Amino acid sequence: MIRLFDLYRHAARELDAVRGPGTARSEAIGMVIIMVLAAIVAVGLAAITGDA
């Protein structure tokens, strides 16, 4: 788990260095929003088809 956090921090530093400060944070927020929406759609489909 510690290595995963280190990898994220390293990638965030590189992304911020290339594209400007705060870029990694805004992209991470976008990914979280998309993942939550995908989970809601998956649960909805499972409820409709009766797999839940």
C-alpha atoms as a PDB file:
ATOM      1  CA  MET A   1       0.000   0.000   0.000  1.00  0.00           C
ATOM      2  CA  ILE A   2       2.859   2.357   0.821  1.00  0.00           C
ATOM      3  CA  ARG A   3       4.414   1.688  -2.586  1.00  0.00           C
ATOM      4  CA  LEU A   4       1.105   2.471  -4.280  1.00  0.00           C
ATOM      5  CA  PHE A   5       0.957   5.842  -2.511  1.00  0.00           C
ATOM      6  CA  ASP A   6       4.576   6.522  -3.461  1.00  0.00           C
ATOM      7  CA  LEU A   7       3.807   5.688  -7.081  1.00  0.00           C
ATOM      8  CA  TYR A   8       0.804   8.035  -7.031  1.00  0.00           C
ATOM      9  CA  ARG A   9       2.858  10.848  -5.504  1.00  0.00           C
ATOM     10  CA  HIS A  10       5.620  10.360  -8.062  1.00  0.00           C
ATOM     11  CA  ALA A  11       3.137  10.391 -10.956  1.00  0.00           C
ATOM     12  CA  ALA A  12       1.401  13.464  -9.524  1.00  0.00           C
ATOM     13  CA  ARG A  13       4.724  15.330  -9.217  1.00  0.00           C
ATOM     14  CA  GLU A  14       5.622  14.474 -12.810  1.00  0.00           C
ATOM     15  CA  LEU A  15       2.192  15.517 -14.090  1.00  0.00           C
ATOM     16  CA  ASP A  16       2.322  18.790 -12.173  1.00  0.00           C
ATOM     17  CA  ALA A  17       5.830  19.479 -13.508  1.00  0.00           C
ATOM     18  CA  VAL A  18       4.720  18.949 -17.101  1.00  0.00           C
ATOM     19  CA  ARG A  19       1.255  20.534 -17.123  1.00  0.00           C
ATOM     20  CA  GLY A  20       1.343  22.956 -14.214  1.00  0.00           C
ATOM     21  CA  PRO A  21       0.449  22.906 -10.522  1.00  0.00           C
ATOM     22  CA  GLY A  22      -2.840  21.329  -9.484  1.00  0.00           C
ATOM     23  CA  THR A  23      -3.308  19.310 -12.662  1.00  0.00           C
ATOM     24  CA  ALA A  24      -2.891  15.919 -11.002  1.00  0.00           C
ATOM     25  CA  ARG A  25      -5.448  16.776  -8.324  1.00  0.00           C
ATOM     26  CA  SER A  26      -8.071  17.903 -10.818  1.00  0.00           C
ATOM     27  CA  GLU A  27      -7.553  14.821 -12.981  1.00  0.00           C
ATOM     28  CA  ALA A  28      -7.823  12.562  -9.921  1.00  0.00           C
ATOM     29  CA  ILE A  29     -11.102  14.221  -8.943  1.00  0.00           C
ATOM     30  CA  GLY A  30     -12.397  13.658 -12.480  1.00  0.00           C
ATOM     31  CA  MET A  31     -11.441   9.984 -12.344  1.00  0.00           C
ATOM     32  CA  VAL A  32     -13.218   9.522  -9.015  1.00  0.00           C
ATOM     33  CA  ILE A  33     -16.379  11.143 -10.360  1.00  0.00           C
ATOM     34  CA  ILE A  34     -16.338   8.905 -13.450  1.00  0.00           C
ATOM     35  CA  MET A  35     -15.769   5.788 -11.331  1.00  0.00           C
ATOM     36  CA  VAL A  36     -18.678   6.679  -9.035  1.00  0.00           C
ATOM     37  CA  LEU A  37     -20.964   7.239 -12.011  1.00  0.00           C
ATOM     38  CA  ALA A  38     -19.877   3.907 -13.526  1.00  0.00           C
ATOM     39  CA  ALA A  39     -20.615   2.159 -10.218  1.00  0.00           C
ATOM     40  CA  ILE A  40     -24.084   3.730 -10.071  1.00  0.00           C
ATOM     41  CA  VAL A  41     -24.809   2.568 -13.631  1.00  0.00           C
ATOM     42  CA  ALA A  42     -23.548  -0.948 -12.829  1.00  0.00           C
ATOM     43  CA  VAL A  43     -25.738  -1.202  -9.725  1.00  0.00           C
ATOM     44  CA  GLY A  44     -28.706   0.125 -11.679  1.00  0.00           C
ATOM     45  CA  LEU A  45     -28.224  -2.444 -14.432  1.00  0.00           C
ATOM     46  CA  ALA A  46     -27.829  -5.226 -11.888  1.00  0.00           C
ATOM     47  CA  ALA A  47     -31.056  -4.148 -10.193  1.00  0.00           C
ATOM     48  CA  ILE A  48     -32.940  -4.033 -13.487  1.00  0.00           C
ATOM     49  CA  THR A  49     -31.728  -7.435 -14.658  1.00  0.00           C
ATOM     50  CA  GLY A  50     -32.204  -9.034 -11.247  1.00  0.00           C
ATOM     51  CA  ASP A  51     -28.545  -9.875 -10.628  1.00  0.00           C
ATOM     52  CA  ALA A  52     -28.357  -7.838  -7.437  1.00  0.00           C
END
